[in-house]
Amino acid sequence: MAFQGLEVVHVVAMDQKQCIGQGNALPWHIPADLKHFKAITQGGVVVMGRKTLESMGRALPNRSNWVITRDVNWSFAGTRVAHSIEAALEGAAQEAKAANQRALFIIGGGEIFGQTLDIADRLELTHVELDVQGDAFYPDRPAAFKKIASESHIDDKTGIAFEFASYRK
């Protein structure tokens, strides 16, 4: 745990080509993945970019929501705003430590993941067996990350196969 004694965790679902979004939305609907995401981040501190928050349409309940935007006039109910990744991580880390949290969750989007991959300790990835041709992508996973856990599933309603995978440096 390199970041102020906290584990930095990326939580993201992606398709076979590392696509994480399409038109500022999730390109699939897999209830089990949403439940998995909630179970991981519940009660924690999440950090995201403005577009990720706007795509969700609301701050995530029962979590502290830190949003990164360059727009100094931007605000959104239920969030804390930072104007740089560094400021967001600093504020989120202080809050997480004050609440005796052991991890900080980075939840998107592609630009934020790309700029924080080097400080991430763990990746909680959902590999979705689709090729959606989207417009937002997760960066290439460094070889330093090794898969430590994996669970394969198939969505009951859609038949979409997916895997919950945990990676650690």
N, C-alpha and C. Protein backbone atom coordinates (compact mmCIF):
# COMPACT_ATOMS: atom_id res chain seq x y z
N MET A 1 0.85 -1.19 0.00
CA MET A 1 0.00 0.00 0.00
C MET A 1 0.88 1.24 0.00
N ALA A 2 1.02 1.83 -1.16
CA ALA A 2 1.96 2.92 -1.33
C ALA A 2 1.36 4.29 -1.08
N PHE A 3 0.07 4.44 -1.23
CA PHE A 3 -0.53 5.78 -1.18
C PHE A 3 -0.99 6.13 0.23
N GLN A 4 -0.13 6.78 0.98
CA GLN A 4 -0.45 7.24 2.34
C GLN A 4 -1.04 6.12 3.18
N GLY A 5 -0.50 4.92 3.04
CA GLY A 5 -0.97 3.81 3.86
C GLY A 5 -2.30 3.23 3.42
N LEU A 6 -2.82 3.68 2.29
CA LEU A 6 -4.09 3.16 1.77
C LEU A 6 -3.83 2.32 0.53
N GLU A 7 -4.66 1.31 0.36
CA GLU A 7 -4.60 0.52 -0.87
C GLU A 7 -5.41 1.28 -1.93
N VAL A 8 -4.81 1.50 -3.09
CA VAL A 8 -5.51 2.17 -4.19
C VAL A 8 -6.04 1.08 -5.12
N VAL A 9 -7.37 1.08 -5.33
CA VAL A 9 -8.03 0.01 -6.06
C VAL A 9 -8.80 0.57 -7.25
N HIS A 10 -8.54 0.04 -8.43
CA HIS A 10 -9.36 0.36 -9.61
C HIS A 10 -10.51 -0.63 -9.65
N VAL A 11 -11.73 -0.14 -9.85
CA VAL A 11 -12.90 -1.01 -9.98
C VAL A 11 -13.55 -0.67 -11.32
N VAL A 12 -13.55 -1.65 -12.24
CA VAL A 12 -14.02 -1.35 -13.59
C VAL A 12 -14.46 -2.62 -14.32
N ALA A 13 -15.44 -2.46 -15.20
CA ALA A 13 -15.86 -3.53 -16.11
C ALA A 13 -15.42 -3.13 -17.51
N MET A 14 -14.96 -4.13 -18.28
CA MET A 14 -14.49 -3.85 -19.64
C MET A 14 -14.81 -5.02 -20.56
N ASP A 15 -14.86 -4.70 -21.87
CA ASP A 15 -15.10 -5.77 -22.83
C ASP A 15 -13.77 -6.40 -23.23
N GLN A 16 -13.80 -7.25 -24.25
CA GLN A 16 -12.61 -7.98 -24.66
C GLN A 16 -11.51 -7.08 -25.23
N LYS A 17 -11.88 -5.86 -25.62
CA LYS A 17 -10.89 -4.93 -26.16
C LYS A 17 -10.65 -3.77 -25.19
N GLN A 18 -10.97 -4.00 -23.91
CA GLN A 18 -10.75 -3.04 -22.83
C GLN A 18 -11.65 -1.81 -22.93
N CYS A 19 -12.74 -1.93 -23.67
CA CYS A 19 -13.71 -0.83 -23.75
C CYS A 19 -14.48 -0.78 -22.43
N ILE A 20 -14.61 0.44 -21.89
CA ILE A 20 -15.34 0.62 -20.63
C ILE A 20 -16.58 1.50 -20.80
N GLY A 21 -16.73 2.11 -21.97
CA GLY A 21 -17.87 2.99 -22.16
C GLY A 21 -18.17 3.27 -23.60
N GLN A 22 -19.39 3.72 -23.81
CA GLN A 22 -19.87 4.02 -25.17
C GLN A 22 -20.86 5.17 -25.04
N GLY A 23 -20.53 6.32 -25.63
CA GLY A 23 -21.44 7.46 -25.54
C GLY A 23 -21.71 7.88 -24.11
N ASN A 24 -20.68 7.86 -23.27
CA ASN A 24 -20.78 8.25 -21.85
C ASN A 24 -21.77 7.39 -21.07
N ALA A 25 -21.82 6.10 -21.41
CA ALA A 25 -22.68 5.16 -20.68
C ALA A 25 -22.02 3.79 -20.65
N LEU A 26 -22.47 2.94 -19.74
CA LEU A 26 -22.02 1.55 -19.73
C LEU A 26 -22.65 0.87 -20.94
N PRO A 27 -21.86 0.15 -21.73
CA PRO A 27 -22.41 -0.45 -22.94
C PRO A 27 -23.16 -1.77 -22.72
N TRP A 28 -23.40 -2.14 -21.48
CA TRP A 28 -24.13 -3.38 -21.18
C TRP A 28 -24.85 -3.19 -19.86
N HIS A 29 -25.80 -4.08 -19.59
CA HIS A 29 -26.48 -4.04 -18.29
C HIS A 29 -26.38 -5.44 -17.69
N ILE A 30 -25.52 -5.56 -16.69
CA ILE A 30 -25.32 -6.84 -16.01
C ILE A 30 -25.55 -6.61 -14.52
N PRO A 31 -26.75 -6.93 -14.02
CA PRO A 31 -27.06 -6.67 -12.61
C PRO A 31 -26.03 -7.24 -11.64
N ALA A 32 -25.51 -8.43 -11.90
CA ALA A 32 -24.53 -9.04 -10.99
C ALA A 32 -23.25 -8.20 -10.90
N ASP A 33 -22.88 -7.56 -12.01
CA ASP A 33 -21.70 -6.70 -11.99
C ASP A 33 -21.96 -5.45 -11.16
N LEU A 34 -23.16 -4.88 -11.27
CA LEU A 34 -23.50 -3.70 -10.48
C LEU A 34 -23.50 -4.05 -8.99
N LYS A 35 -24.01 -5.23 -8.65
CA LYS A 35 -24.00 -5.68 -7.25
C LYS A 35 -22.57 -5.90 -6.75
N HIS A 36 -21.73 -6.46 -7.61
CA HIS A 36 -20.32 -6.70 -7.29
C HIS A 36 -19.61 -5.36 -7.03
N PHE A 37 -19.84 -4.40 -7.92
CA PHE A 37 -19.28 -3.06 -7.78
C PHE A 37 -19.72 -2.44 -6.44
N LYS A 38 -21.00 -2.56 -6.14
CA LYS A 38 -21.54 -1.99 -4.90
C LYS A 38 -20.91 -2.65 -3.67
N ALA A 39 -20.76 -3.98 -3.73
CA ALA A 39 -20.19 -4.72 -2.59
C ALA A 39 -18.74 -4.29 -2.33
N ILE A 40 -18.00 -4.04 -3.40
CA ILE A 40 -16.59 -3.64 -3.25
C ILE A 40 -16.48 -2.23 -2.69
N THR A 41 -17.30 -1.30 -3.21
CA THR A 41 -17.11 0.12 -2.89
C THR A 41 -17.99 0.63 -1.75
N GLN A 42 -19.00 -0.14 -1.33
CA GLN A 42 -19.96 0.28 -0.30
C GLN A 42 -19.25 0.82 0.94
N GLY A 43 -19.68 2.00 1.40
CA GLY A 43 -19.13 2.58 2.62
C GLY A 43 -17.75 3.20 2.43
N GLY A 44 -17.23 3.15 1.22
CA GLY A 44 -15.88 3.63 0.97
C GLY A 44 -15.82 5.01 0.33
N VAL A 45 -14.62 5.36 -0.07
CA VAL A 45 -14.37 6.64 -0.73
C VAL A 45 -14.05 6.34 -2.19
N VAL A 46 -14.85 6.91 -3.11
CA VAL A 46 -14.65 6.68 -4.54
C VAL A 46 -14.18 7.97 -5.21
N VAL A 47 -13.30 7.80 -6.20
CA VAL A 47 -12.77 8.92 -6.96
C VAL A 47 -13.10 8.66 -8.43
N MET A 48 -13.64 9.70 -9.09
CA MET A 48 -14.03 9.54 -10.50
C MET A 48 -13.91 10.87 -11.22
N GLY A 49 -13.92 10.80 -12.53
CA GLY A 49 -13.98 12.00 -13.35
C GLY A 49 -15.41 12.49 -13.48
N ARG A 50 -15.55 13.74 -13.90
CA ARG A 50 -16.86 14.37 -14.03
C ARG A 50 -17.78 13.60 -14.98
N LYS A 51 -17.25 13.15 -16.12
CA LYS A 51 -18.09 12.44 -17.10
C LYS A 51 -18.62 11.13 -16.51
N THR A 52 -17.82 10.46 -15.70
CA THR A 52 -18.28 9.22 -15.07
C THR A 52 -19.46 9.52 -14.15
N LEU A 53 -19.34 10.56 -13.33
CA LEU A 53 -20.45 10.93 -12.45
C LEU A 53 -21.68 11.30 -13.27
N GLU A 54 -21.50 12.12 -14.29
CA GLU A 54 -22.65 12.55 -15.09
C GLU A 54 -23.31 11.37 -15.79
N SER A 55 -22.52 10.36 -16.18
CA SER A 55 -23.12 9.19 -16.82
C SER A 55 -23.98 8.40 -15.83
N MET A 56 -23.61 8.45 -14.54
CA MET A 56 -24.41 7.75 -13.51
C MET A 56 -25.64 8.58 -13.13
N GLY A 57 -25.52 9.89 -13.25
CA GLY A 57 -26.65 10.77 -12.98
C GLY A 57 -26.87 11.12 -11.52
N ARG A 58 -26.08 10.53 -10.63
CA ARG A 58 -26.21 10.84 -9.20
C ARG A 58 -24.95 10.39 -8.48
N ALA A 59 -24.76 10.98 -7.31
CA ALA A 59 -23.66 10.53 -6.46
C ALA A 59 -24.02 9.14 -5.94
N LEU A 60 -23.02 8.29 -5.77
CA LEU A 60 -23.29 6.94 -5.27
C LEU A 60 -23.64 6.98 -3.79
N PRO A 61 -24.77 6.39 -3.40
CA PRO A 61 -25.17 6.41 -1.99
C PRO A 61 -24.22 5.57 -1.13
N ASN A 62 -24.14 5.94 0.14
CA ASN A 62 -23.32 5.23 1.14
C ASN A 62 -21.84 5.17 0.76
N ARG A 63 -21.40 6.16 0.01
CA ARG A 63 -19.98 6.30 -0.33
C ARG A 63 -19.67 7.79 -0.37
N SER A 64 -18.43 8.11 -0.10
CA SER A 64 -17.98 9.49 -0.27
C SER A 64 -17.53 9.61 -1.73
N ASN A 65 -18.11 10.55 -2.46
CA ASN A 65 -17.87 10.71 -3.89
C ASN A 65 -16.96 11.91 -4.17
N TRP A 66 -15.77 11.64 -4.66
CA TRP A 66 -14.83 12.70 -5.08
C TRP A 66 -14.84 12.75 -6.60
N VAL A 67 -15.05 13.95 -7.15
CA VAL A 67 -15.14 14.12 -8.60
C VAL A 67 -14.06 15.09 -9.06
N ILE A 68 -13.38 14.69 -10.14
CA ILE A 68 -12.31 15.51 -10.70
C ILE A 68 -12.85 16.23 -11.94
N THR A 69 -12.70 17.55 -11.96
CA THR A 69 -13.07 18.34 -13.13
C THR A 69 -12.15 19.56 -13.21
N ARG A 70 -11.87 19.99 -14.42
CA ARG A 70 -11.07 21.21 -14.60
C ARG A 70 -11.94 22.45 -14.46
N ASP A 71 -13.26 22.28 -14.53
CA ASP A 71 -14.21 23.39 -14.48
C ASP A 71 -14.38 23.88 -13.04
N VAL A 72 -13.84 25.04 -12.75
CA VAL A 72 -13.86 25.54 -11.36
C VAL A 72 -15.26 25.95 -10.90
N ASN A 73 -16.20 26.09 -11.83
CA ASN A 73 -17.57 26.48 -11.47
C ASN A 73 -18.51 25.28 -11.35
N TRP A 74 -17.99 24.08 -11.61
CA TRP A 74 -18.84 22.89 -11.63
C TRP A 74 -19.11 22.40 -10.20
N SER A 75 -20.34 21.98 -9.96
CA SER A 75 -20.66 21.33 -8.68
C SER A 75 -21.78 20.34 -8.92
N PHE A 76 -21.92 19.41 -7.99
CA PHE A 76 -22.94 18.37 -8.13
C PHE A 76 -23.32 17.93 -6.73
N ALA A 77 -24.62 17.80 -6.47
CA ALA A 77 -25.10 17.43 -5.13
C ALA A 77 -24.48 16.12 -4.67
N GLY A 78 -24.05 16.10 -3.41
CA GLY A 78 -23.54 14.88 -2.81
C GLY A 78 -22.11 14.53 -3.17
N THR A 79 -21.40 15.47 -3.79
CA THR A 79 -20.01 15.18 -4.17
C THR A 79 -19.06 16.21 -3.58
N ARG A 80 -17.79 15.81 -3.53
CA ARG A 80 -16.71 16.74 -3.23
C ARG A 80 -15.96 16.91 -4.55
N VAL A 81 -15.60 18.13 -4.88
CA VAL A 81 -14.99 18.42 -6.17
C VAL A 81 -13.52 18.77 -5.99
N ALA A 82 -12.70 18.23 -6.89
CA ALA A 82 -11.28 18.57 -6.93
C ALA A 82 -10.94 18.91 -8.38
N HIS A 83 -9.94 19.77 -8.55
CA HIS A 83 -9.62 20.24 -9.89
C HIS A 83 -8.35 19.60 -10.46
N SER A 84 -7.85 18.58 -9.76
CA SER A 84 -6.73 17.79 -10.28
C SER A 84 -6.81 16.41 -9.65
N ILE A 85 -6.20 15.44 -10.31
CA ILE A 85 -6.17 14.09 -9.74
C ILE A 85 -5.45 14.13 -8.40
N GLU A 86 -4.35 14.87 -8.34
CA GLU A 86 -3.58 14.95 -7.09
C GLU A 86 -4.43 15.48 -5.94
N ALA A 87 -5.18 16.55 -6.21
CA ALA A 87 -6.03 17.14 -5.16
C ALA A 87 -7.13 16.16 -4.74
N ALA A 88 -7.72 15.47 -5.71
CA ALA A 88 -8.78 14.50 -5.39
C ALA A 88 -8.22 13.37 -4.54
N LEU A 89 -7.06 12.84 -4.94
CA LEU A 89 -6.47 11.73 -4.19
C LEU A 89 -6.08 12.16 -2.79
N GLU A 90 -5.52 13.35 -2.67
CA GLU A 90 -5.13 13.88 -1.36
C GLU A 90 -6.34 14.00 -0.44
N GLY A 91 -7.40 14.65 -0.93
CA GLY A 91 -8.61 14.83 -0.13
C GLY A 91 -9.29 13.52 0.20
N ALA A 92 -9.39 12.65 -0.81
CA ALA A 92 -10.04 11.35 -0.61
C ALA A 92 -9.24 10.50 0.37
N ALA A 93 -7.92 10.56 0.27
CA ALA A 93 -7.07 9.77 1.18
C ALA A 93 -7.23 10.25 2.62
N GLN A 94 -7.26 11.56 2.81
CA GLN A 94 -7.44 12.10 4.17
C GLN A 94 -8.79 11.65 4.73
N GLU A 95 -9.82 11.72 3.90
CA GLU A 95 -11.15 11.32 4.35
C GLU A 95 -11.20 9.83 4.67
N ALA A 96 -10.62 9.01 3.80
CA ALA A 96 -10.62 7.56 4.00
C ALA A 96 -9.90 7.21 5.30
N LYS A 97 -8.77 7.84 5.54
CA LYS A 97 -8.01 7.54 6.76
C LYS A 97 -8.77 7.99 8.00
N ALA A 98 -9.41 9.15 7.93
CA ALA A 98 -10.19 9.65 9.07
C ALA A 98 -11.33 8.69 9.40
N ALA A 99 -11.83 7.99 8.37
CA ALA A 99 -12.95 7.05 8.57
C ALA A 99 -12.44 5.62 8.78
N ASN A 100 -11.14 5.47 9.02
CA ASN A 100 -10.52 4.16 9.23
C ASN A 100 -10.72 3.21 8.05
N GLN A 101 -10.78 3.75 6.84
CA GLN A 101 -10.87 2.92 5.64
C GLN A 101 -9.47 2.44 5.30
N ARG A 102 -9.38 1.30 4.63
CA ARG A 102 -8.07 0.78 4.24
C ARG A 102 -7.80 0.94 2.75
N ALA A 103 -8.84 1.37 2.00
CA ALA A 103 -8.68 1.48 0.56
C ALA A 103 -9.37 2.73 0.02
N LEU A 104 -8.93 3.10 -1.16
CA LEU A 104 -9.48 4.21 -1.92
C LEU A 104 -9.85 3.62 -3.27
N PHE A 105 -11.07 3.88 -3.76
CA PHE A 105 -11.54 3.24 -4.99
C PHE A 105 -11.60 4.24 -6.14
N ILE A 106 -10.91 3.93 -7.21
CA ILE A 106 -10.95 4.75 -8.41
C ILE A 106 -11.88 4.05 -9.39
N ILE A 107 -12.93 4.78 -9.84
CA ILE A 107 -14.00 4.11 -10.60
C ILE A 107 -14.19 4.67 -12.01
N GLY A 108 -13.30 5.48 -12.49
CA GLY A 108 -13.38 5.91 -13.89
C GLY A 108 -13.24 7.40 -14.08
N GLY A 109 -13.22 7.77 -15.31
CA GLY A 109 -13.23 6.98 -16.51
C GLY A 109 -11.83 6.66 -17.03
N GLY A 110 -11.77 6.45 -18.34
CA GLY A 110 -10.54 6.00 -18.97
C GLY A 110 -9.35 6.90 -18.70
N GLU A 111 -9.55 8.20 -18.77
CA GLU A 111 -8.46 9.15 -18.53
C GLU A 111 -7.96 9.05 -17.08
N ILE A 112 -8.88 8.95 -16.15
CA ILE A 112 -8.52 8.86 -14.73
C ILE A 112 -7.80 7.54 -14.46
N PHE A 113 -8.29 6.45 -15.03
CA PHE A 113 -7.61 5.15 -14.87
C PHE A 113 -6.19 5.23 -15.41
N GLY A 114 -6.04 5.83 -16.59
CA GLY A 114 -4.72 5.93 -17.20
C GLY A 114 -3.73 6.71 -16.35
N GLN A 115 -4.23 7.76 -15.71
CA GLN A 115 -3.34 8.61 -14.92
C GLN A 115 -3.09 8.07 -13.51
N THR A 116 -3.81 7.04 -13.10
CA THR A 116 -3.61 6.51 -11.74
C THR A 116 -3.15 5.06 -11.72
N LEU A 117 -2.98 4.44 -12.87
CA LEU A 117 -2.60 3.03 -12.92
C LEU A 117 -1.28 2.77 -12.20
N ASP A 118 -0.35 3.72 -12.30
CA ASP A 118 0.96 3.52 -11.66
C ASP A 118 0.91 3.52 -10.14
N ILE A 119 -0.13 4.12 -9.55
CA ILE A 119 -0.23 4.11 -8.08
C ILE A 119 -1.20 3.06 -7.57
N ALA A 120 -1.88 2.36 -8.49
CA ALA A 120 -2.85 1.33 -8.08
C ALA A 120 -2.12 0.13 -7.49
N ASP A 121 -2.71 -0.42 -6.43
CA ASP A 121 -2.18 -1.62 -5.77
C ASP A 121 -2.96 -2.86 -6.20
N ARG A 122 -4.26 -2.65 -6.48
CA ARG A 122 -5.14 -3.78 -6.80
C ARG A 122 -6.10 -3.35 -7.89
N LEU A 123 -6.45 -4.29 -8.76
CA LEU A 123 -7.44 -4.05 -9.81
C LEU A 123 -8.58 -5.03 -9.61
N GLU A 124 -9.79 -4.52 -9.52
CA GLU A 124 -10.99 -5.37 -9.46
C GLU A 124 -11.66 -5.21 -10.81
N LEU A 125 -11.39 -6.14 -11.72
CA LEU A 125 -11.86 -6.02 -13.09
C LEU A 125 -12.96 -7.03 -13.40
N THR A 126 -13.97 -6.55 -14.10
CA THR A 126 -14.98 -7.45 -14.64
C THR A 126 -14.71 -7.54 -16.13
N HIS A 127 -14.35 -8.73 -16.58
CA HIS A 127 -14.08 -8.96 -18.00
C HIS A 127 -15.38 -9.44 -18.64
N VAL A 128 -15.97 -8.61 -19.50
CA VAL A 128 -17.25 -8.91 -20.15
C VAL A 128 -16.96 -9.47 -21.54
N GLU A 129 -17.54 -10.64 -21.83
CA GLU A 129 -17.27 -11.32 -23.11
C GLU A 129 -18.09 -10.71 -24.24
N LEU A 130 -17.79 -9.47 -24.54
CA LEU A 130 -18.44 -8.74 -25.63
C LEU A 130 -17.37 -7.91 -26.34
N ASP A 131 -17.71 -7.42 -27.52
CA ASP A 131 -16.88 -6.45 -28.23
C ASP A 131 -17.86 -5.35 -28.64
N VAL A 132 -17.91 -4.28 -27.86
CA VAL A 132 -18.98 -3.29 -28.04
C VAL A 132 -18.61 -2.10 -28.92
N GLN A 133 -17.35 -2.00 -29.34
CA GLN A 133 -16.94 -0.88 -30.20
C GLN A 133 -17.27 0.47 -29.56
N GLY A 134 -16.89 0.63 -28.31
CA GLY A 134 -17.17 1.88 -27.61
C GLY A 134 -16.13 2.94 -27.85
N ASP A 135 -16.14 3.98 -27.00
CA ASP A 135 -15.23 5.11 -27.19
C ASP A 135 -14.42 5.47 -25.95
N ALA A 136 -14.52 4.68 -24.89
CA ALA A 136 -13.70 4.90 -23.70
C ALA A 136 -13.05 3.57 -23.33
N PHE A 137 -11.77 3.63 -22.98
CA PHE A 137 -11.01 2.39 -22.78
C PHE A 137 -10.20 2.40 -21.51
N TYR A 138 -10.00 1.20 -20.98
CA TYR A 138 -9.10 1.00 -19.83
C TYR A 138 -7.70 0.83 -20.40
N PRO A 139 -6.68 1.38 -19.71
CA PRO A 139 -5.31 1.24 -20.23
C PRO A 139 -4.82 -0.21 -20.17
N ASP A 140 -3.76 -0.49 -20.91
CA ASP A 140 -3.17 -1.83 -20.87
C ASP A 140 -2.70 -2.13 -19.45
N ARG A 141 -3.00 -3.33 -18.98
CA ARG A 141 -2.62 -3.74 -17.62
C ARG A 141 -1.14 -4.10 -17.59
N PRO A 142 -0.37 -3.43 -16.71
CA PRO A 142 1.05 -3.76 -16.61
C PRO A 142 1.28 -5.20 -16.15
N ALA A 143 2.37 -5.79 -16.62
CA ALA A 143 2.71 -7.18 -16.29
C ALA A 143 2.90 -7.37 -14.78
N ALA A 144 3.16 -6.28 -14.06
CA ALA A 144 3.37 -6.36 -12.61
C ALA A 144 2.11 -6.86 -11.89
N PHE A 145 0.94 -6.69 -12.51
CA PHE A 145 -0.31 -7.14 -11.89
C PHE A 145 -0.54 -8.61 -12.21
N LYS A 146 -0.70 -9.40 -11.16
CA LYS A 146 -0.94 -10.84 -11.30
C LYS A 146 -2.36 -11.15 -10.82
N LYS A 147 -3.04 -12.02 -11.56
CA LYS A 147 -4.41 -12.42 -11.18
C LYS A 147 -4.34 -13.26 -9.91
N ILE A 148 -5.09 -12.85 -8.88
CA ILE A 148 -5.08 -13.57 -7.60
C ILE A 148 -6.41 -14.26 -7.32
N ALA A 149 -7.46 -13.89 -8.06
CA ALA A 149 -8.78 -14.51 -7.85
C ALA A 149 -9.60 -14.33 -9.12
N SER A 150 -10.48 -15.29 -9.36
CA SER A 150 -11.29 -15.23 -10.56
C SER A 150 -12.58 -16.01 -10.36
N GLU A 151 -13.70 -15.47 -10.84
CA GLU A 151 -15.00 -16.15 -10.80
C GLU A 151 -15.68 -15.93 -12.13
N SER A 152 -16.06 -17.00 -12.81
CA SER A 152 -16.77 -16.88 -14.09
C SER A 152 -18.28 -16.96 -13.87
N HIS A 153 -19.01 -16.17 -14.64
CA HIS A 153 -20.47 -16.10 -14.52
C HIS A 153 -21.10 -15.94 -15.89
N ILE A 154 -22.41 -16.20 -15.95
CA ILE A 154 -23.20 -15.89 -17.14
C ILE A 154 -24.47 -15.18 -16.66
N ASP A 155 -24.74 -14.02 -17.26
CA ASP A 155 -25.94 -13.26 -16.87
C ASP A 155 -27.19 -14.02 -17.29
N ASP A 156 -28.10 -14.23 -16.34
CA ASP A 156 -29.33 -15.00 -16.57
C ASP A 156 -30.18 -14.44 -17.70
N LYS A 157 -30.37 -13.13 -17.70
CA LYS A 157 -31.29 -12.52 -18.67
C LYS A 157 -30.69 -12.40 -20.07
N THR A 158 -29.43 -11.99 -20.14
CA THR A 158 -28.83 -11.68 -21.45
C THR A 158 -27.96 -12.80 -22.01
N GLY A 159 -27.53 -13.72 -21.14
CA GLY A 159 -26.63 -14.77 -21.59
C GLY A 159 -25.19 -14.30 -21.76
N ILE A 160 -24.90 -13.07 -21.35
CA ILE A 160 -23.55 -12.52 -21.48
C ILE A 160 -22.64 -13.19 -20.44
N ALA A 161 -21.51 -13.72 -20.93
CA ALA A 161 -20.52 -14.32 -20.02
C ALA A 161 -19.60 -13.21 -19.51
N PHE A 162 -19.20 -13.33 -18.24
CA PHE A 162 -18.28 -12.35 -17.66
C PHE A 162 -17.49 -13.00 -16.54
N GLU A 163 -16.40 -12.36 -16.19
CA GLU A 163 -15.51 -12.87 -15.14
C GLU A 163 -15.17 -11.74 -14.18
N PHE A 164 -15.31 -12.02 -12.88
CA PHE A 164 -14.79 -11.11 -11.86
C PHE A 164 -13.36 -11.54 -11.60
N ALA A 165 -12.41 -10.62 -11.78
CA ALA A 165 -11.01 -10.97 -11.58
C ALA A 165 -10.34 -9.93 -10.70
N SER A 166 -9.53 -10.41 -9.75
CA SER A 166 -8.76 -9.51 -8.90
C SER A 166 -7.29 -9.65 -9.26
N TYR A 167 -6.62 -8.53 -9.39
CA TYR A 167 -5.19 -8.51 -9.70
C TYR A 167 -4.48 -7.69 -8.63
N ARG A 168 -3.27 -8.11 -8.31
CA ARG A 168 -2.48 -7.38 -7.33
C ARG A 168 -1.05 -7.27 -7.83
N LYS A 169 -0.42 -6.13 -7.49
CA LYS A 169 0.99 -5.95 -7.86
C LYS A 169 1.86 -6.84 -7.04
